[in-house]
Each structure stands twice: as C-alpha cells, then as structure tokens.
Amino acid sequence: MKIANRLQKLRQKLTEKEIDAIFVSQPENRYYLSGFGGSSGYLLITPQSAILATDFRYIEQAKRQAPDYEIFQISADIADWFPRLIAELSLGRLGFEAGDITFTMHQRLTDTLNKAKFKLRLVPVDGLVEYLRAIKEPEEIQLITRAADITDNAFDYIKDVIHTGMSEKEVAWEIEKFLREKGSEPVPFDIIVAAGSNSALPHAKPSPRAIRCGEPVLIDIGARVEGYSSDLSRTICLGIPDDTFNKVYDTVVEAQLTAIAAIKNGITGGEIDNLARTVIKQAGYGEAFGHSLGHGVGLAPHEAPRLGPNSSERLADGMVFTIEPGIYITGWGGVRIEDLVVMESGKIRVISKASK
C-alpha cells in the first residue's frame, strides 16, 4: 500500500507541473518509489502506468521486490531500448531528474529521441521525489530509529574500549565491526575518528595517528537498517581536558540545545541555523563554524531538508534531520555534537540516546 500511496502523491506533483511522465534514475528515489533494491535500473511513471526498466541480472529480483510495476528488460545500449519503452505511451513532456542525469546521458537520450523522430520534450525536474521523501512515514521513522539504536550502542561501546595509544584507524575499525555485528547493513558513510589537530577537519579520514591524553577526539558514525541511515557525532577527551576544550564543548552544547528548543512547525532551516550560529558567534568562534547546522537523514545519509544559511526549506511533521553544530580550530582541534531528531505534532523529539 505504501508504494501505491507514494505513486499517487508523485502523480499529483506531475499533474501540477504539467508533466506527462517522469524518468527516475536516482537510486534512492528508485527504491523509494518501487521497493526495488538492485543497483541498476530506471522507473518510468505516467498517470496510468508504472514501469521498472532493468537488465537481465535483476529481472527476477525486480519481479519479487516491485510487484506494483511492469518489468521491462533493457540492454546496455539506450538507443536500443528507450524508444521501445516509450513507444506506446503518447508522451509530450517527459521529466528527468536533473540532479542525477549526466550531460552525456542527456545527450544520448536526446539523440535517441531525434533519431527515432519522437516529438517528445525532455523537461528537467529537481527535487520532486526528494520532497516526498523528506516527509517520513511511521515505518520509515521506525527503521531510522533502529539504525540510531545501533549507532548509540556503538558509541557507548567504543567509549569503554578506546584508550590512549590506539590509532584513529583502529578505533574506526572497532566501531565498524560493532555496527555490522549488531545488525547494520554496510555503513552509510565512512566512519570519522579524528584526534587532536585532525579533529579540526570536519570530514577527516581516520589515520595511523595515535590518540593522546587530553586532546579532543571527534567520532562521527552511522548505521543502516533496511536501507535507512542514522548519523551521530560525539567528541570526547581521554584524560583531563584543557580550558579550551571545556569552553568550546560547552558552546557547542548550548548552540545545539538553543536550536532544538526553538524548532517548530513551519520554521525554516535558515532560521534555525542562524540561532545556533549566533550562540557560537557570541562566544567568539563565529569563523570556526563553517558548515550547515544539519541535514535530513533517510535512505541517503544526507537528504532534504537542509538546515543551513539562507535555507528556505520549512520544517514539517515527519521530517527526520540532524542538529550538529561544530567549532573547528586549526592547530588545536574541533568539537561537533550531532543528534538525530524528528518533528512530531510541531515539536522535536530527539532520537539519539548516546551519552554526551
């Protein structure tokens, strides 16, 4: 039933935009609209039909996972199968996902249509399915929560295991093993473990560097359950933290709590980002917070909505997103605290439970 409901909502959007059909290529969108988890394929959705086009390797999988769809077998050469795919549909305006289709792919589609003498206009669409995905269904929130539970447990585990002298890579591997052993699918993004001055890099990669006493250690981890991701960041210190760590850490916590307390239905991502950013600026670290406050989490670890400067996206019930202020000081290190939250009945519920 959920696939049928999603298709109904999408078809309504197509009608509003006066588009006859949409050609879906983005993998998460394909999965969201069909349930098909193969790594190759396209969807063609019209007001009356839903077609899943994939190659021989995935035909049986498609039949099992996407019973709502007509299955259409394709080959490597788009010029061979695309005209047959659309031949009987009488389309005038076909939407394509502009954020996913490459220039080369667009050229091939255009050339194919011209050679076949189809009077069909390709219309770029942006964020159409992503907008639907931003509002999570209860079952989706449950899966994200299960992924978050695994992540929370992984952090609490590593807090008891980590010690000075361990390398960042060793810590990251311990975390990834735990995540997989506790039921995570392949992790949604590379685990970050960054100690000392390395933690001043928001997206640092674990290195052979040994962790030392008294320095910040930034850990950013995620799990995945039935395709749905979680995202969690914590910053710890082994030994006695210095005054800089205490001040930076307390400022980041205050910024996060200020943002969470102010979020309500209809507020924009830009407004919330500004509230947290103001706290950090007033503490004297304005230039050290260089990324957005948060992002949506779901089938992709980064998706709509965006909570960042000038974001006009309005937050609404059913949205799941992160709140992750950070301060990064070159030569010293950084602190980031990231929690997953969901908006329900106009209020925020924090999903993440790992200790801070």
Protein backbone atom coordinates (compact mmCIF):
# COMPACT_ATOMS: atom_id res chain seq x y z
CA MET A 1 0.00 0.00 0.00
CA LYS A 2 2.81 2.45 0.78
CA ILE A 3 4.19 2.22 -2.78
CA ALA A 4 0.74 2.96 -4.20
CA ASN A 5 0.40 5.99 -1.91
CA ARG A 6 3.82 7.30 -2.92
CA LEU A 7 2.99 6.91 -6.59
CA GLN A 8 -0.30 8.72 -6.09
CA LYS A 9 1.49 11.67 -4.46
CA LEU A 10 4.08 11.78 -7.22
CA ARG A 11 1.44 11.68 -9.95
CA GLN A 12 -0.29 14.62 -8.31
CA LYS A 13 3.00 16.55 -8.49
CA LEU A 14 3.39 15.64 -12.16
CA THR A 15 -0.10 16.99 -12.87
CA GLU A 16 0.70 20.23 -11.06
CA LYS A 17 3.84 20.67 -13.17
CA GLU A 18 2.06 19.65 -16.39
CA ILE A 19 4.45 16.76 -16.98
CA ASP A 20 3.15 13.63 -18.70
CA ALA A 21 5.63 11.22 -17.07
CA ILE A 22 8.87 11.08 -15.13
CA PHE A 23 12.00 9.06 -15.84
CA VAL A 24 13.51 8.18 -12.44
CA SER A 25 17.21 7.34 -12.35
CA GLN A 26 18.36 8.33 -8.85
CA PRO A 27 18.94 5.08 -6.86
CA GLU A 28 17.30 6.12 -3.58
CA ASN A 29 14.31 7.56 -5.44
CA ARG A 30 14.01 4.35 -7.45
CA TYR A 31 13.97 2.29 -4.26
CA TYR A 32 11.54 4.65 -2.50
CA LEU A 33 9.01 4.51 -5.32
CA SER A 34 9.27 0.81 -6.19
CA GLY A 35 10.95 -1.22 -3.43
CA PHE A 36 13.48 -2.47 -5.97
CA GLY A 37 16.96 -2.62 -4.43
CA GLY A 38 19.03 -3.60 -7.46
CA SER A 39 21.97 -1.43 -8.41
CA SER A 40 20.85 -0.81 -12.00
CA GLY A 41 17.57 0.34 -13.48
CA TYR A 42 15.10 3.13 -14.18
CA LEU A 43 11.47 3.88 -13.46
CA LEU A 44 9.01 5.37 -15.94
CA ILE A 45 5.90 6.63 -14.21
CA THR A 46 2.85 8.02 -16.01
CA PRO A 47 -0.65 8.76 -14.68
CA GLN A 48 -1.73 5.24 -15.72
CA SER A 49 1.40 3.08 -15.67
CA ALA A 50 4.49 2.28 -13.62
CA ILE A 51 7.36 0.56 -15.44
CA LEU A 52 10.63 -0.69 -13.97
CA ALA A 53 13.33 -1.00 -16.63
CA THR A 54 16.36 -3.09 -15.70
CA ASP A 55 18.78 -5.53 -17.28
CA PHE A 56 18.81 -9.34 -17.26
CA ARG A 57 20.77 -9.60 -13.98
CA TYR A 58 17.94 -8.05 -11.96
CA ILE A 59 14.77 -9.21 -13.70
CA GLU A 60 13.84 -11.84 -11.10
CA GLN A 61 14.72 -9.52 -8.23
CA ALA A 62 12.57 -6.78 -9.77
CA LYS A 63 9.59 -9.13 -10.08
CA ARG A 64 9.85 -10.05 -6.40
CA GLN A 65 10.56 -6.59 -4.97
CA ALA A 66 8.38 -4.42 -7.21
CA PRO A 67 5.06 -6.24 -7.75
CA ASP A 68 3.32 -2.91 -8.43
CA TYR A 69 5.43 -2.43 -11.57
CA GLU A 70 5.50 -3.75 -15.11
CA ILE A 71 9.03 -5.11 -15.66
CA PHE A 72 10.83 -4.10 -18.86
CA GLN A 73 14.16 -5.66 -19.80
CA ILE A 74 16.87 -3.36 -21.12
CA SER A 75 20.32 -3.71 -22.66
CA ALA A 76 23.49 -1.65 -22.43
CA ASP A 77 22.63 0.50 -25.45
CA ILE A 78 19.97 3.05 -24.56
CA ALA A 79 19.26 3.66 -28.25
CA ASP A 80 18.05 0.07 -28.46
CA TRP A 81 15.55 0.04 -25.62
CA PHE A 82 14.46 3.60 -24.79
CA PRO A 83 12.32 4.08 -27.94
CA ARG A 84 10.56 0.78 -27.24
CA LEU A 85 9.97 1.82 -23.63
CA ILE A 86 8.04 4.97 -24.56
CA ALA A 87 6.62 3.94 -27.94
CA GLU A 88 3.04 3.24 -26.82
CA LEU A 89 2.69 5.98 -24.22
CA SER A 90 1.95 9.12 -26.30
CA LEU A 91 4.11 11.40 -24.16
CA GLY A 92 4.62 15.10 -24.82
CA ARG A 93 6.67 16.20 -21.79
CA LEU A 94 8.92 13.73 -20.01
CA GLY A 95 10.54 14.80 -16.76
CA PHE A 96 14.05 13.65 -15.94
CA GLU A 97 15.99 14.02 -12.70
CA ALA A 98 18.31 16.91 -13.47
CA GLY A 99 20.39 16.35 -10.35
CA ASP A 100 21.23 12.78 -11.35
CA ILE A 101 21.25 12.53 -15.15
CA THR A 102 24.69 13.39 -16.52
CA PHE A 103 25.22 15.67 -19.50
CA THR A 104 26.38 12.65 -21.51
CA MET A 105 23.26 10.67 -20.61
CA HIS A 106 21.06 13.63 -21.54
CA GLN A 107 22.80 13.84 -24.93
CA ARG A 108 22.20 10.14 -25.54
CA LEU A 109 18.53 10.46 -24.67
CA THR A 110 18.17 13.49 -26.92
CA ASP A 111 19.97 11.82 -29.82
CA THR A 112 17.89 8.68 -29.42
CA LEU A 113 14.64 10.64 -29.49
CA ASN A 114 15.73 12.64 -32.52
CA LYS A 115 16.78 9.57 -34.49
CA ALA A 116 13.51 7.82 -33.67
CA LYS A 117 11.63 11.03 -34.61
CA PHE A 118 9.73 11.23 -31.33
CA LYS A 119 8.07 14.59 -30.67
CA LEU A 120 8.89 14.41 -27.00
CA ARG A 121 10.34 17.19 -24.87
CA LEU A 122 12.70 16.33 -22.01
CA VAL A 123 11.89 18.50 -19.00
CA PRO A 124 14.39 18.83 -16.12
CA VAL A 125 12.89 18.38 -12.65
CA ASP A 126 14.74 18.91 -9.41
CA GLY A 127 13.86 17.51 -6.00
CA LEU A 128 10.42 16.24 -6.95
CA VAL A 129 10.78 12.80 -5.37
CA GLU A 130 13.20 14.10 -2.73
CA TYR A 131 10.45 16.42 -1.49
CA LEU A 132 8.18 13.41 -0.95
CA ARG A 133 11.00 11.50 0.78
CA ALA A 134 11.57 14.36 3.23
CA ILE A 135 8.27 13.58 4.99
CA LYS A 136 8.84 10.19 6.59
CA GLU A 137 6.14 7.61 7.11
CA PRO A 138 5.89 5.95 10.56
CA GLU A 139 7.53 2.77 9.23
CA GLU A 140 10.46 4.80 7.92
CA ILE A 141 10.92 6.53 11.28
CA GLN A 142 10.96 3.12 12.95
CA LEU A 143 13.75 1.91 10.68
CA ILE A 144 15.78 5.09 11.24
CA THR A 145 15.28 4.66 14.99
CA ARG A 146 16.54 1.07 14.81
CA ALA A 147 19.62 2.30 12.95
CA ALA A 148 20.09 5.04 15.56
CA ASP A 149 19.88 2.48 18.37
CA ILE A 150 22.74 0.52 16.80
CA THR A 151 24.77 3.72 16.45
CA ASP A 152 24.09 4.75 20.04
CA ASN A 153 25.22 1.36 21.30
CA ALA A 154 28.33 1.53 19.12
CA PHE A 155 29.36 4.82 20.67
CA ASP A 156 28.75 3.61 24.22
CA TYR A 157 30.81 0.51 23.37
CA ILE A 158 33.76 2.42 21.96
CA LYS A 159 33.86 4.74 24.98
CA ASP A 160 34.79 1.71 27.09
CA VAL A 161 37.32 0.39 24.56
CA ILE A 162 39.16 3.47 23.37
CA HIS A 163 42.43 4.34 25.10
CA THR A 164 45.47 6.48 24.51
CA GLY A 165 47.90 4.94 22.06
CA MET A 166 45.17 3.49 19.84
CA SER A 167 45.26 4.85 16.32
CA GLU A 168 42.33 6.59 14.70
CA LYS A 169 42.12 3.71 12.20
CA GLU A 170 41.99 1.11 14.98
CA VAL A 171 39.12 2.93 16.69
CA ALA A 172 37.22 3.31 13.42
CA TRP A 173 37.58 -0.41 12.70
CA GLU A 174 36.37 -1.37 16.18
CA ILE A 175 33.29 0.79 15.61
CA GLU A 176 32.57 -0.62 12.15
CA LYS A 177 32.91 -4.22 13.38
CA PHE A 178 30.48 -3.49 16.20
CA LEU A 179 27.97 -1.86 13.84
CA ARG A 180 27.98 -4.83 11.47
CA GLU A 181 27.88 -7.43 14.23
CA LYS A 182 24.85 -5.70 15.78
CA GLY A 183 22.86 -5.76 12.55
CA SER A 184 23.87 -2.78 10.43
CA GLU A 185 23.99 -3.16 6.69
CA PRO A 186 27.10 -1.62 5.02
CA VAL A 187 27.64 1.69 6.78
CA PRO A 188 26.09 4.71 5.02
CA PHE A 189 29.30 6.78 5.10
CA ASP A 190 32.92 6.41 6.08
CA ILE A 191 33.35 6.49 9.86
CA ILE A 192 35.21 9.53 11.16
CA VAL A 193 37.62 9.22 14.05
CA ALA A 194 39.82 12.33 14.31
CA ALA A 195 42.06 13.18 17.25
CA GLY A 196 43.93 16.33 18.21
CA SER A 197 44.56 18.74 15.36
CA ASN A 198 42.98 16.27 12.91
CA SER A 199 39.60 16.93 14.53
CA ALA A 200 39.72 20.46 13.11
CA LEU A 201 38.85 18.81 9.77
CA PRO A 202 35.06 18.28 9.78
CA HIS A 203 35.35 15.33 7.36
CA ALA A 204 38.71 13.94 8.43
CA LYS A 205 39.65 10.39 7.43
CA PRO A 206 41.00 8.04 10.14
CA SER A 207 44.78 7.93 10.06
CA PRO A 208 47.50 5.89 11.79
CA ARG A 209 47.94 8.76 14.25
CA ALA A 210 47.87 7.62 17.88
CA ILE A 211 45.37 9.23 20.24
CA ARG A 212 46.95 11.22 23.04
CA CYS A 213 45.83 12.17 26.51
CA GLY A 214 43.98 15.47 26.91
CA GLU A 215 43.09 16.12 23.26
CA PRO A 216 39.69 16.19 21.53
CA VAL A 217 38.60 13.03 19.72
CA LEU A 218 35.77 13.58 17.24
CA ILE A 219 33.73 10.50 16.30
CA ASP A 220 31.07 10.52 13.57
CA ILE A 221 29.27 7.24 12.86
CA GLY A 222 26.17 5.88 11.16
CA ALA A 223 24.35 2.58 10.72
CA ARG A 224 21.90 1.38 8.10
CA VAL A 225 18.79 -0.79 8.56
CA GLU A 226 16.72 -1.92 5.56
CA GLY A 227 18.21 0.95 3.57
CA TYR A 228 17.62 3.66 6.19
CA SER A 229 20.51 5.52 7.80
CA SER A 230 21.41 7.05 11.13
CA ASP A 231 24.00 9.72 11.91
CA LEU A 232 25.67 10.55 15.23
CA SER A 233 28.64 12.66 16.28
CA ARG A 234 30.27 12.92 19.68
CA THR A 235 33.50 14.49 20.87
CA ILE A 236 35.35 13.08 23.85
CA CYS A 237 38.62 13.66 25.65
CA LEU A 238 40.79 10.94 27.18
CA GLY A 239 42.25 12.32 30.37
CA ILE A 240 41.80 15.85 31.67
CA PRO A 241 40.51 18.33 29.08
CA ASP A 242 42.07 21.78 28.87
CA ASP A 243 40.21 25.07 29.26
CA THR A 244 39.80 25.43 25.51
CA PHE A 245 38.10 22.06 25.26
CA ASN A 246 35.68 22.92 28.08
CA LYS A 247 34.75 26.29 26.61
CA VAL A 248 34.37 25.01 23.05
CA TYR A 249 32.41 21.95 24.15
CA ASP A 250 30.02 23.97 26.32
CA THR A 251 29.45 26.44 23.48
CA VAL A 252 28.58 23.67 21.02
CA VAL A 253 26.16 22.10 23.51
CA GLU A 254 24.49 25.47 24.09
CA ALA A 255 24.16 26.07 20.36
CA GLN A 256 22.58 22.67 19.85
CA LEU A 257 20.14 23.00 22.74
CA THR A 258 19.17 26.51 21.62
CA ALA A 259 18.35 25.24 18.16
CA ILE A 260 16.38 22.22 19.37
CA ALA A 261 14.31 24.33 21.77
CA ALA A 262 13.36 26.80 19.03
CA ILE A 263 12.32 24.37 16.29
CA LYS A 264 8.63 24.42 15.49
CA ASN A 265 6.44 23.52 12.55
CA GLY A 266 6.96 25.90 9.64
CA ILE A 267 10.25 27.43 10.73
CA THR A 268 12.91 27.46 8.02
CA GLY A 269 16.23 25.67 8.04
CA GLY A 270 17.93 29.04 7.68
CA GLU A 271 16.24 30.48 10.76
CA ILE A 272 17.31 27.57 12.95
CA ASP A 273 20.85 27.63 11.58
CA ASN A 274 21.07 31.33 12.41
CA LEU A 275 20.01 30.77 16.04
CA ALA A 276 22.73 28.19 16.64
CA ARG A 277 25.29 30.22 14.69
CA THR A 278 24.55 33.29 16.83
CA VAL A 279 25.42 31.38 20.02
CA ILE A 280 28.75 30.34 18.52
CA LYS A 281 29.48 33.86 17.25
CA GLN A 282 28.78 35.40 20.65
CA ALA A 283 31.27 33.02 22.20
CA GLY A 284 33.92 34.29 19.79
CA TYR A 285 34.02 31.30 17.45
CA GLY A 286 31.90 32.54 14.55
CA GLU A 287 34.56 31.92 11.92
CA ALA A 288 35.16 28.40 13.25
CA PHE A 289 31.69 27.07 12.37
CA GLY A 290 31.93 26.60 8.63
CA HIS A 291 29.25 24.05 7.77
CA SER A 292 25.47 23.89 7.93
CA LEU A 293 23.67 23.10 11.16
CA GLY A 294 22.01 19.96 9.86
CA HIS A 295 20.51 17.84 7.10
CA GLY A 296 17.80 15.30 6.52
CA VAL A 297 18.51 11.60 7.03
CA GLY A 298 16.72 8.65 5.46
CA LEU A 299 17.52 6.44 2.51
CA ALA A 300 20.53 8.73 1.98
CA PRO A 301 22.70 9.92 4.88
CA HIS A 302 22.33 13.47 3.53
CA GLU A 303 18.99 14.48 2.04
CA ALA A 304 16.25 17.09 2.40
CA PRO A 305 15.66 19.19 4.41
CA ARG A 306 18.80 21.34 4.67
CA LEU A 307 19.36 23.40 7.81
CA GLY A 308 21.91 25.95 6.73
CA PRO A 309 22.46 29.62 5.96
CA ASN A 310 19.74 31.02 3.68
CA SER A 311 17.84 27.72 3.56
CA SER A 312 14.18 28.48 2.86
CA GLU A 313 13.01 24.89 3.39
CA ARG A 314 10.30 24.82 6.03
CA LEU A 315 10.44 22.11 8.66
CA ALA A 316 7.33 19.96 8.99
CA ASP A 317 5.95 16.98 10.83
CA GLY A 318 7.53 13.71 9.72
CA MET A 319 10.90 15.21 8.87
CA VAL A 320 13.97 13.50 10.36
CA PHE A 321 17.16 15.54 10.43
CA THR A 322 20.36 16.22 12.32
CA ILE A 323 21.30 19.10 14.58
CA GLU A 324 25.11 19.23 14.50
CA PRO A 325 26.84 22.48 15.41
CA GLY A 326 30.62 22.38 15.48
CA ILE A 327 33.67 24.50 16.21
CA TYR A 328 36.97 23.77 14.46
CA ILE A 329 40.22 25.49 15.44
CA THR A 330 43.26 24.97 13.21
CA GLY A 331 46.21 23.53 15.13
CA TRP A 332 44.13 22.62 18.18
CA GLY A 333 41.17 20.53 17.04
CA GLY A 334 37.41 20.54 16.87
CA VAL A 335 34.20 19.65 18.65
CA ARG A 336 30.98 18.51 16.96
CA ILE A 337 27.87 17.17 18.64
CA GLU A 338 25.26 15.68 16.35
CA ASP A 339 21.89 14.20 17.20
CA LEU A 340 19.07 12.85 15.07
CA VAL A 341 15.66 14.42 15.70
CA VAL A 342 12.16 14.00 14.29
CA MET A 343 9.38 16.57 14.19
CA GLU A 344 6.07 15.26 15.53
CA SER A 345 2.97 17.37 16.20
CA GLY A 346 5.01 20.52 15.70
CA LYS A 347 7.63 19.58 18.28
CA ILE A 348 11.06 17.96 18.23
CA ARG A 349 11.76 14.52 19.62
CA VAL A 350 15.41 13.60 19.94
CA ILE A 351 16.03 10.11 18.54
CA SER A 352 19.71 9.81 19.52
CA LYS A 353 20.34 8.44 23.00
CA ALA A 354 24.14 8.11 23.21
CA SER A 355 25.64 9.83 26.20
CA LYS A 356 27.33 13.20 25.70
